[in-house]
Amino acid sequence: MLSYEGTLYRPPSEADSLILQATIGCSYNRCTFCGMYRDKRFRVRPIAELRAEIQWAAQNMVGVRKVFLADGDALVAKAAFLLEVLDELRRTFPDLRRVSAYASPQSLQVRTVDEMRALREAGLSLYYLGIESGHDAVLARLEKGVDAAEMIRVARKAGEADVKLSTMVLLGAGGRALSHEHAVESARVVSAIGPRFVSTLVMTPVADTPLWDEAQRGEVDELTPVELARELRDFVAGLELEGTIFRSNHASNRLTLKGTLPKDKAALLEVLDTVIANPEHAPFVPAWLRGL
């Protein structure tokens, strides 16, 4: 049977995927806002265990078409190990269309373009990358471990390997003081990377993280829905993308928006302008519906 250690996390778009915990935890695990893997020691699981779980899934799950490799940055495992896993998946599931994984900037640093290309040819065709911000001061505060220039460099390696990127930006990460600069610089970095998908989340302090401790000391701004709408408008206005799918449908968002850029850019900006001008009539998602 499938054996999961600790709490399991996956992107919303992997809801109907087979979740295979190829690695435990996150090898970096220092981002100040993230509490997902702080109770786990990072390690790569034995290939024999994964083969057994894949065979169990083949016997007990019908029509597996997508697989998500958990936990936090499975891409950091050795390429030879990942190729073994992908080969087993491909041989076992004849209808397999896609394998995906989270990719930290650190895992993108260690993977060569040739390795990523070989992994993509074996089925690993989508990475989820938390950019969070394009502003160096914000990235430093979040302890992402890279600056904006390095974020662009490593993300472009995935593009060279023809791997699709789904990227995330954290609204509110710059607080009020850096709200505009955070939005503008994030748009610049995302545009330079040119991902297939880009989504926004709202930075939310969670327990047992450095960000939570900062919030308890009153050092974290909680932007109002209107302030977040202005920041989102600045971000969308700065995006220069071709054929990128945009979403702000994560539970943390105050506004639910979607579109394809650049086709829907003007319409998205019009919605945001209307919200900012008439906040009392804005379709803000209430906290209870966001599960917060």
C-alpha atoms as a PDB file:
ATOM      1  CA  MET A   1       0.000   0.000   0.000  1.00  0.00           C
ATOM      2  CA  LEU A   2       0.988   3.649  -0.217  1.00  0.00           C
ATOM      3  CA  SER A   3       2.981   4.762   2.817  1.00  0.00           C
ATOM      4  CA  TYR A   4       3.041   8.461   3.662  1.00  0.00           C
ATOM      5  CA  GLU A   5       5.155  10.017   6.387  1.00  0.00           C
ATOM      6  CA  GLY A   6       3.760  13.091   8.089  1.00  0.00           C
ATOM      7  CA  THR A   7       1.407  15.606   6.504  1.00  0.00           C
ATOM      8  CA  LEU A   8       1.264  15.389   2.721  1.00  0.00           C
ATOM      9  CA  TYR A   9       1.197  18.511   0.543  1.00  0.00           C
ATOM     10  CA  ARG A  10       0.498  18.878  -3.161  1.00  0.00           C
ATOM     11  CA  PRO A  11      -0.423  21.698  -5.564  1.00  0.00           C
ATOM     12  CA  PRO A  12      -4.192  22.208  -6.080  1.00  0.00           C
ATOM     13  CA  SER A  13      -3.909  21.059  -9.697  1.00  0.00           C
ATOM     14  CA  GLU A  14      -2.637  17.642  -8.545  1.00  0.00           C
ATOM     15  CA  ALA A  15      -5.882  16.763  -6.751  1.00  0.00           C
ATOM     16  CA  ASP A  16      -6.542  13.746  -8.971  1.00  0.00           C
ATOM     17  CA  SER A  17      -2.910  12.602  -9.202  1.00  0.00           C
ATOM     18  CA  LEU A  18      -1.206   9.630  -7.622  1.00  0.00           C
ATOM     19  CA  ILE A  19       0.989  11.140  -4.906  1.00  0.00           C
ATOM     20  CA  LEU A  20       4.262   9.231  -4.616  1.00  0.00           C
ATOM     21  CA  GLN A  21       6.450  10.320  -1.697  1.00  0.00           C
ATOM     22  CA  ALA A  22       9.796   9.864  -3.402  1.00  0.00           C
ATOM     23  CA  THR A  23      11.586  12.013  -0.836  1.00  0.00           C
ATOM     24  CA  ILE A  24      10.726  12.958   2.723  1.00  0.00           C
ATOM     25  CA  GLY A  25      10.704  16.616   3.710  1.00  0.00           C
ATOM     26  CA  CYS A  26      12.603  19.454   2.063  1.00  0.00           C
ATOM     27  CA  SER A  27      16.376  19.535   1.668  1.00  0.00           C
ATOM     28  CA  TYR A  28      16.481  23.341   2.089  1.00  0.00           C
ATOM     29  CA  ASN A  29      13.673  23.888   4.625  1.00  0.00           C
ATOM     30  CA  ARG A  30      14.709  27.412   5.627  1.00  0.00           C
ATOM     31  CA  CYS A  31      12.051  29.649   4.020  1.00  0.00           C
ATOM     32  CA  THR A  32      10.692  31.785   6.865  1.00  0.00           C
ATOM     33  CA  PHE A  33       7.049  31.523   5.776  1.00  0.00           C
ATOM     34  CA  CYS A  34       6.865  27.759   5.140  1.00  0.00           C
ATOM     35  CA  GLY A  35       5.948  25.306   7.881  1.00  0.00           C
ATOM     36  CA  MET A  36       5.164  22.301   5.707  1.00  0.00           C
ATOM     37  CA  TYR A  37       8.255  20.204   6.370  1.00  0.00           C
ATOM     38  CA  ARG A  38       9.772  21.516   9.602  1.00  0.00           C
ATOM     39  CA  ASP A  39       8.901  18.314  11.457  1.00  0.00           C
ATOM     40  CA  LYS A  40      10.683  16.064   8.933  1.00  0.00           C
ATOM     41  CA  ARG A  41      14.303  15.151   8.320  1.00  0.00           C
ATOM     42  CA  PHE A  42      15.064  15.197   4.618  1.00  0.00           C
ATOM     43  CA  ARG A  43      15.938  11.917   2.986  1.00  0.00           C
ATOM     44  CA  VAL A  44      15.461  10.023  -0.256  1.00  0.00           C
ATOM     45  CA  ARG A  45      13.341   6.902   0.056  1.00  0.00           C
ATOM     46  CA  PRO A  46      14.713   3.499  -1.020  1.00  0.00           C
ATOM     47  CA  ILE A  47      13.840   2.630  -4.618  1.00  0.00           C
ATOM     48  CA  ALA A  48      12.577  -0.802  -3.504  1.00  0.00           C
ATOM     49  CA  GLU A  49       9.903   0.823  -1.326  1.00  0.00           C
ATOM     50  CA  LEU A  50       8.770   3.019  -4.192  1.00  0.00           C
ATOM     51  CA  ARG A  51       8.609   0.112  -6.622  1.00  0.00           C
ATOM     52  CA  ALA A  52       6.394  -1.781  -4.175  1.00  0.00           C
ATOM     53  CA  GLU A  53       4.071   1.222  -3.790  1.00  0.00           C
ATOM     54  CA  ILE A  54       3.862   1.729  -7.550  1.00  0.00           C
ATOM     55  CA  GLN A  55       2.875  -1.916  -7.998  1.00  0.00           C
ATOM     56  CA  TRP A  56       0.279  -1.597  -5.238  1.00  0.00           C
ATOM     57  CA  ALA A  57      -1.177   1.477  -6.954  1.00  0.00           C
ATOM     58  CA  ALA A  58      -1.333  -0.405 -10.259  1.00  0.00           C
ATOM     59  CA  GLN A  59      -3.432  -3.112  -8.610  1.00  0.00           C
ATOM     60  CA  ASN A  60      -5.687  -0.829  -6.579  1.00  0.00           C
ATOM     61  CA  MET A  61      -6.062   2.410  -8.567  1.00  0.00           C
ATOM     62  CA  VAL A  62      -7.749   2.646 -11.937  1.00  0.00           C
ATOM     63  CA  GLY A  63      -6.480   4.762 -14.823  1.00  0.00           C
ATOM     64  CA  VAL A  64      -3.502   6.568 -13.266  1.00  0.00           C
ATOM     65  CA  ARG A  65      -2.638   9.378 -15.669  1.00  0.00           C
ATOM     66  CA  LYS A  66      -0.793  11.859 -13.469  1.00  0.00           C
ATOM     67  CA  VAL A  67       1.776  11.368 -10.729  1.00  0.00           C
ATOM     68  CA  PHE A  68       3.116  13.987  -8.319  1.00  0.00           C
ATOM     69  CA  LEU A  69       6.487  13.289  -6.706  1.00  0.00           C
ATOM     70  CA  ALA A  70       6.400  14.535  -3.112  1.00  0.00           C
ATOM     71  CA  ASP A  71       7.712  15.971  -0.759  1.00  0.00           C
ATOM     72  CA  GLY A  72       9.149  19.468  -0.948  1.00  0.00           C
ATOM     73  CA  ASP A  73      11.822  19.210  -3.630  1.00  0.00           C
ATOM     74  CA  ALA A  74      12.120  15.674  -4.979  1.00  0.00           C
ATOM     75  CA  LEU A  75      14.027  17.128  -7.916  1.00  0.00           C
ATOM     76  CA  VAL A  76      17.108  17.457  -5.693  1.00  0.00           C
ATOM     77  CA  ALA A  77      17.500  13.652  -5.535  1.00  0.00           C
ATOM     78  CA  LYS A  78      20.125  12.133  -7.824  1.00  0.00           C
ATOM     79  CA  ALA A  79      19.108  12.057 -11.475  1.00  0.00           C
ATOM     80  CA  ALA A  80      19.818   8.317 -11.693  1.00  0.00           C
ATOM     81  CA  PHE A  81      17.376   7.659  -8.837  1.00  0.00           C
ATOM     82  CA  LEU A  82      14.678   9.812 -10.429  1.00  0.00           C
ATOM     83  CA  LEU A  83      15.156   8.073 -13.764  1.00  0.00           C
ATOM     84  CA  GLU A  84      14.616   4.700 -12.052  1.00  0.00           C
ATOM     85  CA  VAL A  85      11.381   5.961 -10.513  1.00  0.00           C
ATOM     86  CA  LEU A  86      10.183   7.406 -13.811  1.00  0.00           C
ATOM     87  CA  ASP A  87      11.031   4.214 -15.678  1.00  0.00           C
ATOM     88  CA  GLU A  88       8.995   2.181 -13.179  1.00  0.00           C
ATOM     89  CA  LEU A  89       6.054   4.566 -13.500  1.00  0.00           C
ATOM     90  CA  ARG A  90       6.161   4.523 -17.291  1.00  0.00           C
ATOM     91  CA  ARG A  91       6.284   0.730 -17.468  1.00  0.00           C
ATOM     92  CA  THR A  92       3.535   0.292 -14.891  1.00  0.00           C
ATOM     93  CA  PHE A  93       0.982   2.888 -16.005  1.00  0.00           C
ATOM     94  CA  PRO A  94       0.351   2.741 -19.781  1.00  0.00           C
ATOM     95  CA  ASP A  95      -1.959   5.791 -19.671  1.00  0.00           C
ATOM     96  CA  LEU A  96       0.525   8.013 -17.809  1.00  0.00           C
ATOM     97  CA  ARG A  97       0.484  11.508 -19.259  1.00  0.00           C
ATOM     98  CA  ARG A  98       2.527  13.556 -16.805  1.00  0.00           C
ATOM     99  CA  VAL A  99       4.799  13.418 -13.786  1.00  0.00           C
ATOM    100  CA  SER A 100       5.412  16.589 -11.790  1.00  0.00           C
ATOM    101  CA  ALA A 101       7.266  17.769  -8.677  1.00  0.00           C
ATOM    102  CA  TYR A 102       8.033  20.820  -6.600  1.00  0.00           C
ATOM    103  CA  ALA A 103      11.327  22.435  -7.607  1.00  0.00           C
ATOM    104  CA  SER A 104      13.200  24.681  -5.201  1.00  0.00           C
ATOM    105  CA  PRO A 105      15.766  27.151  -6.550  1.00  0.00           C
ATOM    106  CA  GLN A 106      18.362  24.970  -4.827  1.00  0.00           C
ATOM    107  CA  SER A 107      17.307  21.813  -6.677  1.00  0.00           C
ATOM    108  CA  LEU A 108      17.341  23.734  -9.956  1.00  0.00           C
ATOM    109  CA  GLN A 109      20.884  24.832  -9.133  1.00  0.00           C
ATOM    110  CA  VAL A 110      22.155  21.264  -8.812  1.00  0.00           C
ATOM    111  CA  ARG A 111      20.317  19.769 -11.816  1.00  0.00           C
ATOM    112  CA  THR A 112      22.011  20.301 -15.171  1.00  0.00           C
ATOM    113  CA  VAL A 113      20.004  21.117 -18.269  1.00  0.00           C
ATOM    114  CA  ASP A 114      20.951  17.738 -19.747  1.00  0.00           C
ATOM    115  CA  GLU A 115      19.703  15.962 -16.621  1.00  0.00           C
ATOM    116  CA  MET A 116      16.428  17.875 -16.670  1.00  0.00           C
ATOM    117  CA  ARG A 117      16.033  17.111 -20.358  1.00  0.00           C
ATOM    118  CA  ALA A 118      16.573  13.393 -19.736  1.00  0.00           C
ATOM    119  CA  LEU A 119      14.084  13.459 -16.859  1.00  0.00           C
ATOM    120  CA  ARG A 120      11.564  15.268 -19.046  1.00  0.00           C
ATOM    121  CA  GLU A 121      11.962  12.670 -21.777  1.00  0.00           C
ATOM    122  CA  ALA A 122      11.314  10.032 -19.096  1.00  0.00           C
ATOM    123  CA  GLY A 123       8.089  11.784 -18.086  1.00  0.00           C
ATOM    124  CA  LEU A 124       8.918  14.499 -15.515  1.00  0.00           C
ATOM    125  CA  SER A 125       7.542  17.398 -17.528  1.00  0.00           C
ATOM    126  CA  LEU A 126       6.273  19.951 -14.979  1.00  0.00           C
ATOM    127  CA  TYR A 127       7.934  21.724 -12.035  1.00  0.00           C
ATOM    128  CA  TYR A 128       6.172  23.867  -9.419  1.00  0.00           C
ATOM    129  CA  LEU A 129       8.491  26.728  -8.451  1.00  0.00           C
ATOM    130  CA  GLY A 130       7.841  29.184  -5.639  1.00  0.00           C
ATOM    131  CA  ILE A 131       9.367  32.429  -6.873  1.00  0.00           C
ATOM    132  CA  GLU A 132       7.607  34.338  -4.046  1.00  0.00           C
ATOM    133  CA  SER A 133       9.142  37.700  -5.012  1.00  0.00           C
ATOM    134  CA  GLY A 134      11.391  39.370  -7.522  1.00  0.00           C
ATOM    135  CA  HIS A 135      12.642  41.934  -5.006  1.00  0.00           C
ATOM    136  CA  ASP A 136      16.011  41.076  -3.496  1.00  0.00           C
ATOM    137  CA  ALA A 137      15.243  42.540  -0.061  1.00  0.00           C
ATOM    138  CA  VAL A 138      12.011  40.546   0.143  1.00  0.00           C
ATOM    139  CA  LEU A 139      13.736  37.357  -1.008  1.00  0.00           C
ATOM    140  CA  ALA A 140      16.372  37.885   1.679  1.00  0.00           C
ATOM    141  CA  ARG A 141      13.738  38.384   4.368  1.00  0.00           C
ATOM    142  CA  LEU A 142      11.973  35.210   3.247  1.00  0.00           C
ATOM    143  CA  GLU A 143      15.350  33.400   3.235  1.00  0.00           C
ATOM    144  CA  LYS A 144      14.786  31.903  -0.216  1.00  0.00           C
ATOM    145  CA  GLY A 145      18.534  31.396  -0.563  1.00  0.00           C
ATOM    146  CA  VAL A 146      18.784  33.147  -3.951  1.00  0.00           C
ATOM    147  CA  ASP A 147      18.436  36.660  -5.296  1.00  0.00           C
ATOM    148  CA  ALA A 148      16.283  37.651  -8.263  1.00  0.00           C
ATOM    149  CA  ALA A 149      19.060  37.227 -10.823  1.00  0.00           C
ATOM    150  CA  GLU A 150      19.792  33.701  -9.623  1.00  0.00           C
ATOM    151  CA  MET A 151      16.072  32.854  -9.580  1.00  0.00           C
ATOM    152  CA  ILE A 152      15.863  33.821 -13.245  1.00  0.00           C
ATOM    153  CA  ARG A 153      19.013  31.907 -14.130  1.00  0.00           C
ATOM    154  CA  VAL A 154      17.997  28.605 -12.564  1.00  0.00           C
ATOM    155  CA  ALA A 155      14.389  28.792 -13.769  1.00  0.00           C
ATOM    156  CA  ARG A 156      15.553  29.372 -17.315  1.00  0.00           C
ATOM    157  CA  LYS A 157      17.478  26.104 -17.116  1.00  0.00           C
ATOM    158  CA  ALA A 158      14.131  24.315 -16.917  1.00  0.00           C
ATOM    159  CA  GLY A 159      12.971  26.214 -19.980  1.00  0.00           C
ATOM    160  CA  GLU A 160      16.097  25.154 -21.864  1.00  0.00           C
ATOM    161  CA  ALA A 161      15.203  21.551 -21.023  1.00  0.00           C
ATOM    162  CA  ASP A 162      11.655  22.134 -22.353  1.00  0.00           C
ATOM    163  CA  VAL A 163      10.147  21.533 -18.907  1.00  0.00           C
ATOM    164  CA  LYS A 164       6.968  23.465 -18.109  1.00  0.00           C
ATOM    165  CA  LEU A 165       7.066  25.717 -15.042  1.00  0.00           C
ATOM    166  CA  SER A 166       4.171  26.561 -12.758  1.00  0.00           C
ATOM    167  CA  THR A 167       5.308  29.538 -10.682  1.00  0.00           C
ATOM    168  CA  MET A 168       3.949  31.171  -7.548  1.00  0.00           C
ATOM    169  CA  VAL A 169       4.254  34.720  -6.184  1.00  0.00           C
ATOM    170  CA  LEU A 170       3.372  35.753  -2.616  1.00  0.00           C
ATOM    171  CA  LEU A 171       1.197  38.852  -2.440  1.00  0.00           C
ATOM    172  CA  GLY A 172       1.872  40.873   0.679  1.00  0.00           C
ATOM    173  CA  ALA A 173       5.411  39.545   1.097  1.00  0.00           C
ATOM    174  CA  GLY A 174       6.876  43.048   0.917  1.00  0.00           C
ATOM    175  CA  GLY A 175       4.516  44.530   3.462  1.00  0.00           C
ATOM    176  CA  ARG A 176       3.155  48.026   2.920  1.00  0.00           C
ATOM    177  CA  ALA A 177       6.578  49.632   2.589  1.00  0.00           C
ATOM    178  CA  LEU A 178       7.611  47.514  -0.396  1.00  0.00           C
ATOM    179  CA  SER A 179       4.223  46.581  -1.827  1.00  0.00           C
ATOM    180  CA  HIS A 180       4.626  48.390  -5.151  1.00  0.00           C
ATOM    181  CA  GLU A 181       8.293  47.476  -5.605  1.00  0.00           C
ATOM    182  CA  HIS A 182       7.588  43.831  -4.716  1.00  0.00           C
ATOM    183  CA  ALA A 183       4.817  43.685  -7.337  1.00  0.00           C
ATOM    184  CA  VAL A 184       6.835  45.395 -10.070  1.00  0.00           C
ATOM    185  CA  GLU A 185       9.992  43.372  -9.498  1.00  0.00           C
ATOM    186  CA  SER A 186       8.047  40.123  -9.239  1.00  0.00           C
ATOM    187  CA  ALA A 187       6.412  40.866 -12.596  1.00  0.00           C
ATOM    188  CA  ARG A 188       9.858  41.545 -14.073  1.00  0.00           C
ATOM    189  CA  VAL A 189      11.257  38.239 -12.838  1.00  0.00           C
ATOM    190  CA  VAL A 190       8.225  36.204 -13.928  1.00  0.00           C
ATOM    191  CA  SER A 191       8.328  37.866 -17.357  1.00  0.00           C
ATOM    192  CA  ALA A 192      12.037  37.061 -17.693  1.00  0.00           C
ATOM    193  CA  ILE A 193      11.343  33.400 -16.871  1.00  0.00           C
ATOM    194  CA  GLY A 194       8.271  33.034 -19.088  1.00  0.00           C
ATOM    195  CA  PRO A 195       6.497  30.188 -17.230  1.00  0.00           C
ATOM    196  CA  ARG A 196       3.543  28.209 -18.582  1.00  0.00           C
ATOM    197  CA  PHE A 197       1.566  28.992 -15.425  1.00  0.00           C
ATOM    198  CA  VAL A 198       1.715  31.787 -12.855  1.00  0.00           C
ATOM    199  CA  SER A 199      -0.404  32.066  -9.746  1.00  0.00           C
ATOM    200  CA  THR A 200      -0.613  34.327  -6.718  1.00  0.00           C
ATOM    201  CA  LEU A 201      -1.033  33.399  -3.075  1.00  0.00           C
ATOM    202  CA  VAL A 202      -1.356  35.741  -0.110  1.00  0.00           C
ATOM    203  CA  MET A 203       1.444  35.453   2.433  1.00  0.00           C
ATOM    204  CA  THR A 204      -0.135  34.052   5.592  1.00  0.00           C
ATOM    205  CA  PRO A 205       1.821  33.421   8.817  1.00  0.00           C
ATOM    206  CA  VAL A 206       1.519  29.820   9.991  1.00  0.00           C
ATOM    207  CA  ALA A 207       2.490  28.441  13.376  1.00  0.00           C
ATOM    208  CA  ASP A 208       6.004  27.226  14.118  1.00  0.00           C
ATOM    209  CA  THR A 209       7.680  29.384  11.479  1.00  0.00           C
ATOM    210  CA  PRO A 210       9.928  32.449  11.813  1.00  0.00           C
ATOM    211  CA  LEU A 211       7.250  34.472   9.989  1.00  0.00           C
ATOM    212  CA  TRP A 212       4.719  33.480  12.651  1.00  0.00           C
ATOM    213  CA  ASP A 213       7.092  34.677  15.358  1.00  0.00           C
ATOM    214  CA  GLU A 214       7.524  37.979  13.521  1.00  0.00           C
ATOM    215  CA  ALA A 215       3.740  38.340  13.253  1.00  0.00           C
ATOM    216  CA  GLN A 216       3.319  37.726  16.980  1.00  0.00           C
ATOM    217  CA  ARG A 217       5.742  40.601  17.590  1.00  0.00           C
ATOM    218  CA  GLY A 218       3.715  42.864  15.295  1.00  0.00           C
ATOM    219  CA  GLU A 219       6.424  42.957  12.628  1.00  0.00           C
ATOM    220  CA  VAL A 220       4.305  41.637   9.729  1.00  0.00           C
ATOM    221  CA  ASP A 221       1.814  43.802   7.854  1.00  0.00           C
ATOM    222  CA  GLU A 222      -1.534  42.214   7.069  1.00  0.00           C
ATOM    223  CA  LEU A 223      -2.565  44.042   3.922  1.00  0.00           C
ATOM    224  CA  THR A 224      -6.242  44.859   3.513  1.00  0.00           C
ATOM    225  CA  PRO A 225      -8.163  43.317   0.598  1.00  0.00           C
ATOM    226  CA  VAL A 226      -7.975  46.640  -1.258  1.00  0.00           C
ATOM    227  CA  GLU A 227      -4.222  46.946  -0.680  1.00  0.00           C
ATOM    228  CA  LEU A 228      -3.780  43.405  -1.985  1.00  0.00           C
ATOM    229  CA  ALA A 229      -5.894  44.271  -5.027  1.00  0.00           C
ATOM    230  CA  ARG A 230      -3.619  47.253  -5.740  1.00  0.00           C
ATOM    231  CA  GLU A 231      -0.549  45.057  -5.403  1.00  0.00           C
ATOM    232  CA  LEU A 232      -2.081  42.438  -7.674  1.00  0.00           C
ATOM    233  CA  ARG A 233      -2.908  45.135 -10.218  1.00  0.00           C
ATOM    234  CA  ASP A 234       0.691  46.363 -10.195  1.00  0.00           C
ATOM    235  CA  PHE A 235       1.864  42.791 -10.681  1.00  0.00           C
ATOM    236  CA  VAL A 236      -0.488  41.963 -13.564  1.00  0.00           C
ATOM    237  CA  ALA A 237       0.212  45.311 -15.241  1.00  0.00           C
ATOM    238  CA  GLY A 238       3.932  44.536 -15.304  1.00  0.00           C
ATOM    239  CA  LEU A 239       3.650  41.053 -16.763  1.00  0.00           C
ATOM    240  CA  GLU A 240       4.930  40.634 -20.317  1.00  0.00           C
ATOM    241  CA  LEU A 241       4.142  37.026 -21.160  1.00  0.00           C
ATOM    242  CA  GLU A 242       3.095  34.921 -24.127  1.00  0.00           C
ATOM    243  CA  GLY A 243       0.617  32.092 -23.641  1.00  0.00           C
ATOM    244  CA  THR A 244       0.872  31.963 -19.837  1.00  0.00           C
ATOM    245  CA  ILE A 245      -2.124  30.833 -17.787  1.00  0.00           C
ATOM    246  CA  PHE A 246      -2.768  33.105 -14.787  1.00  0.00           C
ATOM    247  CA  ARG A 247      -4.691  32.118 -11.651  1.00  0.00           C
ATOM    248  CA  SER A 248      -5.403  33.693  -8.256  1.00  0.00           C
ATOM    249  CA  ASN A 249      -7.650  30.867  -7.065  1.00  0.00           C
ATOM    250  CA  HIS A 250      -5.616  29.590  -4.104  1.00  0.00           C
ATOM    251  CA  ALA A 251      -7.627  29.604  -0.861  1.00  0.00           C
ATOM    252  CA  SER A 252      -5.497  32.432   0.571  1.00  0.00           C
ATOM    253  CA  ASN A 253      -6.513  34.925  -2.134  1.00  0.00           C
ATOM    254  CA  ARG A 254      -9.098  37.629  -1.478  1.00  0.00           C
ATOM    255  CA  LEU A 255     -10.059  37.762  -5.154  1.00  0.00           C
ATOM    256  CA  THR A 256     -10.511  34.837  -7.516  1.00  0.00           C
ATOM    257  CA  LEU A 257      -9.283  35.699 -10.998  1.00  0.00           C
ATOM    258  CA  LYS A 258      -8.159  33.715 -14.002  1.00  0.00           C
ATOM    259  CA  GLY A 259      -7.115  34.297 -17.567  1.00  0.00           C
ATOM    260  CA  THR A 260      -4.502  33.711 -20.241  1.00  0.00           C
ATOM    261  CA  LEU A 261      -1.813  36.310 -20.846  1.00  0.00           C
ATOM    262  CA  PRO A 262      -1.538  38.499 -22.756  1.00  0.00           C
ATOM    263  CA  LYS A 263      -5.028  37.889 -24.189  1.00  0.00           C
ATOM    264  CA  ASP A 264      -6.918  38.586 -20.956  1.00  0.00           C
ATOM    265  CA  LYS A 265      -4.576  41.155 -19.422  1.00  0.00           C
ATOM    266  CA  ALA A 266      -6.775  44.176 -20.167  1.00  0.00           C
ATOM    267  CA  ALA A 267      -9.860  42.423 -18.788  1.00  0.00           C
ATOM    268  CA  LEU A 268      -8.031  41.436 -15.581  1.00  0.00           C
ATOM    269  CA  LEU A 269      -6.820  44.996 -15.072  1.00  0.00           C
ATOM    270  CA  GLU A 270     -10.347  46.312 -15.654  1.00  0.00           C
ATOM    271  CA  VAL A 271     -11.711  44.014 -12.941  1.00  0.00           C
ATOM    272  CA  LEU A 272      -8.992  45.105 -10.528  1.00  0.00           C
ATOM    273  CA  ASP A 273      -9.550  48.797 -11.308  1.00  0.00           C
ATOM    274  CA  THR A 274     -13.260  48.342 -10.580  1.00  0.00           C
ATOM    275  CA  VAL A 275     -12.507  46.587  -7.298  1.00  0.00           C
ATOM    276  CA  ILE A 276     -10.103  49.322  -6.207  1.00  0.00           C
ATOM    277  CA  ALA A 277     -12.546  52.099  -7.150  1.00  0.00           C
ATOM    278  CA  ASN A 278     -15.585  50.399  -5.582  1.00  0.00           C
ATOM    279  CA  PRO A 279     -14.338  48.122  -2.792  1.00  0.00           C
ATOM    280  CA  GLU A 280     -17.713  48.046  -1.060  1.00  0.00           C
ATOM    281  CA  HIS A 281     -19.110  46.100  -4.027  1.00  0.00           C
ATOM    282  CA  ALA A 282     -16.043  43.938  -4.631  1.00  0.00           C
ATOM    283  CA  PRO A 283     -16.413  40.132  -4.672  1.00  0.00           C
ATOM    284  CA  PHE A 284     -13.854  39.583  -1.904  1.00  0.00           C
ATOM    285  CA  VAL A 285     -13.752  35.990  -0.687  1.00  0.00           C
ATOM    286  CA  PRO A 286     -14.692  35.937   3.040  1.00  0.00           C
ATOM    287  CA  ALA A 287     -12.256  34.437   5.530  1.00  0.00           C
ATOM    288  CA  TRP A 288     -14.615  31.628   6.503  1.00  0.00           C
ATOM    289  CA  LEU A 289     -14.828  30.481   2.885  1.00  0.00           C
ATOM    290  CA  ARG A 290     -11.051  30.577   2.567  1.00  0.00           C
ATOM    291  CA  GLY A 291     -10.774  28.284   5.574  1.00  0.00           C
ATOM    292  CA  LEU A 292      -8.841  30.932   7.515  1.00  0.00           C
END
